PDB file of N, CA and C in Angstrom:
ATOM      1  N   UNK A   1     -14.660 -13.290  33.957  1.00  0.00           N
ATOM      2  CA  UNK A   1     -15.717 -12.938  33.019  1.00  0.00           C
ATOM      3  C   UNK A   1     -16.909 -12.440  33.814  1.00  0.00           C
ATOM      4  N   UNK A   2     -17.511 -11.387  33.343  1.00  0.00           N
ATOM      5  CA  UNK A   2     -18.623 -10.805  34.082  1.00  0.00           C
ATOM      6  C   UNK A   2     -19.943 -11.089  33.404  1.00  0.00           C
ATOM      7  N   UNK A   3     -20.956 -11.068  34.197  1.00  0.00           N
ATOM      8  CA  UNK A   3     -22.315 -11.285  33.674  1.00  0.00           C
ATOM      9  C   UNK A   3     -22.693 -10.174  32.704  1.00  0.00           C
ATOM     10  N   UNK A   4     -22.269  -8.954  32.988  1.00  0.00           N
ATOM     11  CA  UNK A   4     -22.583  -7.825  32.104  1.00  0.00           C
ATOM     12  C   UNK A   4     -21.995  -8.025  30.718  1.00  0.00           C
ATOM     13  N   UNK A   5     -20.761  -8.542  30.646  1.00  0.00           N
ATOM     14  CA  UNK A   5     -20.154  -8.758  29.337  1.00  0.00           C
ATOM     15  C   UNK A   5     -20.884  -9.866  28.583  1.00  0.00           C
ATOM     16  N   UNK A   6     -21.381 -10.879  29.312  1.00  0.00           N
ATOM     17  CA  UNK A   6     -22.170 -11.929  28.672  1.00  0.00           C
ATOM     18  C   UNK A   6     -23.452 -11.354  28.104  1.00  0.00           C
ATOM     19  N   UNK A   7     -24.119 -10.489  28.871  1.00  0.00           N
ATOM     20  CA  UNK A   7     -25.357  -9.868  28.397  1.00  0.00           C
ATOM     21  C   UNK A   7     -25.100  -9.036  27.142  1.00  0.00           C
ATOM     22  N   UNK A   8     -23.999  -8.296  27.122  1.00  0.00           N
ATOM     23  CA  UNK A   8     -23.661  -7.495  25.958  1.00  0.00           C
ATOM     24  C   UNK A   8     -23.431  -8.390  24.748  1.00  0.00           C
ATOM     25  N   UNK A   9     -22.716  -9.485  24.939  1.00  0.00           N
ATOM     26  CA  UNK A   9     -22.480 -10.422  23.845  1.00  0.00           C
ATOM     27  C   UNK A   9     -23.801 -10.958  23.314  1.00  0.00           C
ATOM     28  N   UNK A  10     -24.670 -11.379  24.200  1.00  0.00           N
ATOM     29  CA  UNK A  10     -25.962 -11.941  23.804  1.00  0.00           C
ATOM     30  C   UNK A  10     -26.792 -10.897  23.071  1.00  0.00           C
ATOM     31  N   UNK A  11     -26.813  -9.673  23.579  1.00  0.00           N
ATOM     32  CA  UNK A  11     -27.554  -8.598  22.920  1.00  0.00           C
ATOM     33  C   UNK A  11     -27.042  -8.362  21.499  1.00  0.00           C
ATOM     34  N   UNK A  12     -25.723  -8.310  21.342  1.00  0.00           N
ATOM     35  CA  UNK A  12     -25.145  -8.114  20.009  1.00  0.00           C
ATOM     36  C   UNK A  12     -25.482  -9.276  19.086  1.00  0.00           C
ATOM     37  N   UNK A  13     -25.419 -10.478  19.616  1.00  0.00           N
ATOM     38  CA  UNK A  13     -25.697 -11.672  18.811  1.00  0.00           C
ATOM     39  C   UNK A  13     -27.149 -11.701  18.350  1.00  0.00           C
ATOM     40  N   UNK A  14     -28.052 -11.238  19.199  1.00  0.00           N
ATOM     41  CA  UNK A  14     -29.460 -11.247  18.837  1.00  0.00           C
ATOM     42  C   UNK A  14     -29.785 -10.217  17.763  1.00  0.00           C
ATOM     43  N   UNK A  15     -29.060  -9.108  17.764  1.00  0.00           N
ATOM     44  CA  UNK A  15     -29.295  -8.070  16.764  1.00  0.00           C
ATOM     45  C   UNK A  15     -28.867  -8.557  15.381  1.00  0.00           C
ATOM     46  N   UNK A  16     -27.742  -9.268  15.347  1.00  0.00           N
ATOM     47  CA  UNK A  16     -27.259  -9.832  14.090  1.00  0.00           C
ATOM     48  C   UNK A  16     -27.973 -11.160  13.868  1.00  0.00           C
ATOM     49  N   UNK A  17     -28.245 -11.487  12.650  1.00  0.00           N
ATOM     50  CA  UNK A  17     -28.855 -12.785  12.352  1.00  0.00           C
ATOM     51  C   UNK A  17     -27.739 -13.765  11.999  1.00  0.00           C
ATOM     52  N   UNK A  18     -27.221 -14.428  13.021  1.00  0.00           N
ATOM     53  CA  UNK A  18     -26.128 -15.376  12.845  1.00  0.00           C
ATOM     54  C   UNK A  18     -26.650 -16.782  12.630  1.00  0.00           C
ATOM     55  N   UNK A  19     -25.870 -17.548  11.883  1.00  0.00           N
ATOM     56  CA  UNK A  19     -26.105 -18.995  11.871  1.00  0.00           C
ATOM     57  C   UNK A  19     -25.565 -19.522  13.189  1.00  0.00           C
ATOM     58  N   UNK A  20     -25.921 -20.728  13.533  1.00  0.00           N
ATOM     59  CA  UNK A  20     -25.431 -21.329  14.766  1.00  0.00           C
ATOM     60  C   UNK A  20     -23.909 -21.429  14.744  1.00  0.00           C
ATOM     61  N   UNK A  21     -23.345 -21.776  13.599  1.00  0.00           N
ATOM     62  CA  UNK A  21     -21.891 -21.879  13.471  1.00  0.00           C
ATOM     63  C   UNK A  21     -21.219 -20.518  13.690  1.00  0.00           C
ATOM     64  N   UNK A  22     -21.773 -19.468  13.108  1.00  0.00           N
ATOM     65  CA  UNK A  22     -21.223 -18.126  13.299  1.00  0.00           C
ATOM     66  C   UNK A  22     -21.323 -17.683  14.754  1.00  0.00           C
ATOM     67  N   UNK A  23     -22.445 -17.981  15.369  1.00  0.00           N
ATOM     68  CA  UNK A  23     -22.643 -17.632  16.770  1.00  0.00           C
ATOM     69  C   UNK A  23     -21.633 -18.355  17.656  1.00  0.00           C
ATOM     70  N   UNK A  24     -21.403 -19.628  17.372  1.00  0.00           N
ATOM     71  CA  UNK A  24     -20.430 -20.407  18.131  1.00  0.00           C
ATOM     72  C   UNK A  24     -19.037 -19.803  18.006  1.00  0.00           C
ATOM     73  N   UNK A  25     -18.625 -19.456  16.807  1.00  0.00           N
ATOM     74  CA  UNK A  25     -17.304 -18.875  16.594  1.00  0.00           C
ATOM     75  C   UNK A  25     -17.174 -17.531  17.303  1.00  0.00           C
ATOM     76  N   UNK A  26     -18.207 -16.721  17.220  1.00  0.00           N
ATOM     77  CA  UNK A  26     -18.170 -15.423  17.889  1.00  0.00           C
ATOM     78  C   UNK A  26     -18.096 -15.598  19.404  1.00  0.00           C
ATOM     79  N   UNK A  27     -18.814 -16.569  19.937  1.00  0.00           N
ATOM     80  CA  UNK A  27     -18.776 -16.813  21.375  1.00  0.00           C
ATOM     81  C   UNK A  27     -17.402 -17.317  21.806  1.00  0.00           C
ATOM     82  N   UNK A  28     -16.796 -18.175  21.013  1.00  0.00           N
ATOM     83  CA  UNK A  28     -15.449 -18.644  21.318  1.00  0.00           C
ATOM     84  C   UNK A  28     -14.492 -17.456  21.351  1.00  0.00           C
ATOM     85  N   UNK A  29     -14.564 -16.582  20.355  1.00  0.00           N
ATOM     86  CA  UNK A  29     -13.710 -15.394  20.333  1.00  0.00           C
ATOM     87  C   UNK A  29     -13.972 -14.504  21.543  1.00  0.00           C
ATOM     88  N   UNK A  30     -15.236 -14.393  21.952  1.00  0.00           N
ATOM     89  CA  UNK A  30     -15.611 -13.595  23.125  1.00  0.00           C
ATOM     90  C   UNK A  30     -14.954 -14.162  24.388  1.00  0.00           C
ATOM     91  N   UNK A  31     -15.062 -15.466  24.573  1.00  0.00           N
ATOM     92  CA  UNK A  31     -14.464 -16.095  25.752  1.00  0.00           C
ATOM     93  C   UNK A  31     -12.947 -15.963  25.702  1.00  0.00           C
ATOM     94  N   UNK A  32     -12.343 -16.181  24.539  1.00  0.00           N
ATOM     95  CA  UNK A  32     -10.893 -16.025  24.403  1.00  0.00           C
ATOM     96  C   UNK A  32     -10.448 -14.627  24.826  1.00  0.00           C
ATOM     97  N   UNK A  33     -11.185 -13.622  24.421  1.00  0.00           N
ATOM     98  CA  UNK A  33     -10.804 -12.259  24.800  1.00  0.00           C
ATOM     99  C   UNK A  33     -10.961 -12.042  26.301  1.00  0.00           C
ATOM    100  N   UNK A  34     -11.962 -12.660  26.906  1.00  0.00           N
ATOM    101  CA  UNK A  34     -12.189 -12.509  28.344  1.00  0.00           C
ATOM    102  C   UNK A  34     -11.053 -13.131  29.163  1.00  0.00           C
ATOM    103  N   UNK A  35     -10.435 -14.186  28.642  1.00  0.00           N
ATOM    104  CA  UNK A  35      -9.356 -14.867  29.368  1.00  0.00           C
ATOM    105  C   UNK A  35      -7.988 -14.556  28.749  1.00  0.00           C
ATOM    106  N   UNK A  36      -7.938 -13.450  28.016  1.00  0.00           N
ATOM    107  CA  UNK A  36      -6.689 -12.945  27.436  1.00  0.00           C
ATOM    108  C   UNK A  36      -5.968 -13.986  26.573  1.00  0.00           C
ATOM    109  N   UNK A  37      -6.742 -14.715  25.767  1.00  0.00           N
ATOM    110  CA  UNK A  37      -6.175 -15.654  24.806  1.00  0.00           C
ATOM    111  C   UNK A  37      -5.798 -17.016  25.356  1.00  0.00           C
ATOM    112  N   UNK A  38      -6.100 -17.288  26.602  1.00  0.00           N
ATOM    113  CA  UNK A  38      -5.743 -18.570  27.217  1.00  0.00           C
ATOM    114  C   UNK A  38      -6.676 -19.661  26.686  1.00  0.00           C
ATOM    115  N   UNK A  39      -6.161 -20.475  25.776  1.00  0.00           N
ATOM    116  CA  UNK A  39      -6.994 -21.482  25.118  1.00  0.00           C
ATOM    117  C   UNK A  39      -7.389 -22.617  26.052  1.00  0.00           C
ATOM    118  N   UNK A  40      -6.504 -22.987  26.967  1.00  0.00           N
ATOM    119  CA  UNK A  40      -6.853 -24.040  27.929  1.00  0.00           C
ATOM    120  C   UNK A  40      -8.024 -23.598  28.803  1.00  0.00           C
ATOM    121  N   UNK A  41      -7.962 -22.367  29.277  1.00  0.00           N
ATOM    122  CA  UNK A  41      -9.040 -21.826  30.123  1.00  0.00           C
ATOM    123  C   UNK A  41     -10.322 -21.681  29.307  1.00  0.00           C
ATOM    124  N   UNK A  42     -10.208 -21.266  28.060  1.00  0.00           N
ATOM    125  CA  UNK A  42     -11.375 -21.135  27.190  1.00  0.00           C
ATOM    126  C   UNK A  42     -12.073 -22.474  27.023  1.00  0.00           C
ATOM    127  N   UNK A  43     -11.297 -23.516  26.738  1.00  0.00           N
ATOM    128  CA  UNK A  43     -11.877 -24.854  26.583  1.00  0.00           C
ATOM    129  C   UNK A  43     -12.560 -25.291  27.873  1.00  0.00           C
ATOM    130  N   UNK A  44     -11.935 -24.998  29.003  1.00  0.00           N
ATOM    131  CA  UNK A  44     -12.512 -25.351  30.302  1.00  0.00           C
ATOM    132  C   UNK A  44     -13.848 -24.639  30.518  1.00  0.00           C
ATOM    133  N   UNK A  45     -13.891 -23.356  30.243  1.00  0.00           N
ATOM    134  CA  UNK A  45     -15.130 -22.579  30.407  1.00  0.00           C
ATOM    135  C   UNK A  45     -16.229 -23.120  29.494  1.00  0.00           C
ATOM    136  N   UNK A  46     -15.856 -23.455  28.260  1.00  0.00           N
ATOM    137  CA  UNK A  46     -16.835 -23.939  27.285  1.00  0.00           C
ATOM    138  C   UNK A  46     -17.236 -25.393  27.521  1.00  0.00           C
ATOM    139  N   UNK A  47     -16.469 -26.092  28.352  1.00  0.00           N
ATOM    140  CA  UNK A  47     -16.790 -27.489  28.627  1.00  0.00           C
ATOM    141  C   UNK A  47     -16.459 -28.415  27.471  1.00  0.00           C
ATOM    142  N   UNK A  48     -15.408 -28.042  26.727  1.00  0.00           N
ATOM    143  CA  UNK A  48     -14.987 -28.871  25.604  1.00  0.00           C
ATOM    144  C   UNK A  48     -13.512 -29.195  25.758  1.00  0.00           C
ATOM    145  N   UNK A  49     -13.056 -30.214  25.052  1.00  0.00           N
ATOM    146  CA  UNK A  49     -11.663 -30.604  25.054  1.00  0.00           C
ATOM    147  C   UNK A  49     -10.847 -29.553  24.293  1.00  0.00           C
ATOM    148  N   UNK A  50      -9.588 -29.379  24.691  1.00  0.00           N
ATOM    149  CA  UNK A  50      -8.734 -28.408  23.996  1.00  0.00           C
ATOM    150  C   UNK A  50      -8.596 -28.733  22.521  1.00  0.00           C
ATOM    151  N   UNK A  51      -8.526 -30.019  22.182  1.00  0.00           N
ATOM    152  CA  UNK A  51      -8.422 -30.413  20.771  1.00  0.00           C
ATOM    153  C   UNK A  51      -9.642 -29.961  19.987  1.00  0.00           C
ATOM    154  N   UNK A  52     -10.799 -30.050  20.614  1.00  0.00           N
ATOM    155  CA  UNK A  52     -12.030 -29.594  19.961  1.00  0.00           C
ATOM    156  C   UNK A  52     -11.977 -28.085  19.741  1.00  0.00           C
ATOM    157  N   UNK A  53     -11.502 -27.367  20.738  1.00  0.00           N
ATOM    158  CA  UNK A  53     -11.372 -25.912  20.599  1.00  0.00           C
ATOM    159  C   UNK A  53     -10.417 -25.574  19.462  1.00  0.00           C
ATOM    160  N   UNK A  54      -9.256 -26.238  19.418  1.00  0.00           N
ATOM    161  CA  UNK A  54      -8.295 -25.979  18.347  1.00  0.00           C
ATOM    162  C   UNK A  54      -8.902 -26.254  16.977  1.00  0.00           C
ATOM    163  N   UNK A  55      -9.680 -27.338  16.878  1.00  0.00           N
ATOM    164  CA  UNK A  55     -10.329 -27.672  15.604  1.00  0.00           C
ATOM    165  C   UNK A  55     -11.322 -26.584  15.203  1.00  0.00           C
ATOM    166  N   UNK A  56     -12.091 -26.108  16.159  1.00  0.00           N
ATOM    167  CA  UNK A  56     -13.075 -25.074  15.863  1.00  0.00           C
ATOM    168  C   UNK A  56     -12.390 -23.770  15.466  1.00  0.00           C
ATOM    169  N   UNK A  57     -11.268 -23.456  16.087  1.00  0.00           N
ATOM    170  CA  UNK A  57     -10.528 -22.245  15.739  1.00  0.00           C
ATOM    171  C   UNK A  57      -9.845 -22.373  14.393  1.00  0.00           C
ATOM    172  N   UNK A  58      -9.411 -23.571  14.051  1.00  0.00           N
ATOM    173  CA  UNK A  58      -8.747 -23.803  12.777  1.00  0.00           C
ATOM    174  C   UNK A  58      -9.679 -23.518  11.602  1.00  0.00           C
ATOM    175  N   UNK A  59     -10.951 -23.766  11.783  1.00  0.00           N
ATOM    176  CA  UNK A  59     -11.931 -23.603  10.703  1.00  0.00           C
ATOM    177  C   UNK A  59     -12.383 -22.153  10.511  1.00  0.00           C
ATOM    178  N   UNK A  60     -11.731 -21.224  11.170  1.00  0.00           N
ATOM    179  CA  UNK A  60     -12.131 -19.817  11.019  1.00  0.00           C
ATOM    180  C   UNK A  60     -11.646 -19.234   9.735  1.00  0.00           C
TER     181      UNK A  60
END
């Protein structure tokens, strides 16, 4: 994951008026795309348990 892609994500998020929940879901999707769908790696990057990640994805 690159710093430039993080900046782009943040810029896009700031332009849209997201709720915190929407922002969280969009960020999870962003990280998932950066690691080519690897959910274990996504959970590791986010600092959350895989079960928590699965729960958050289930609510989409």
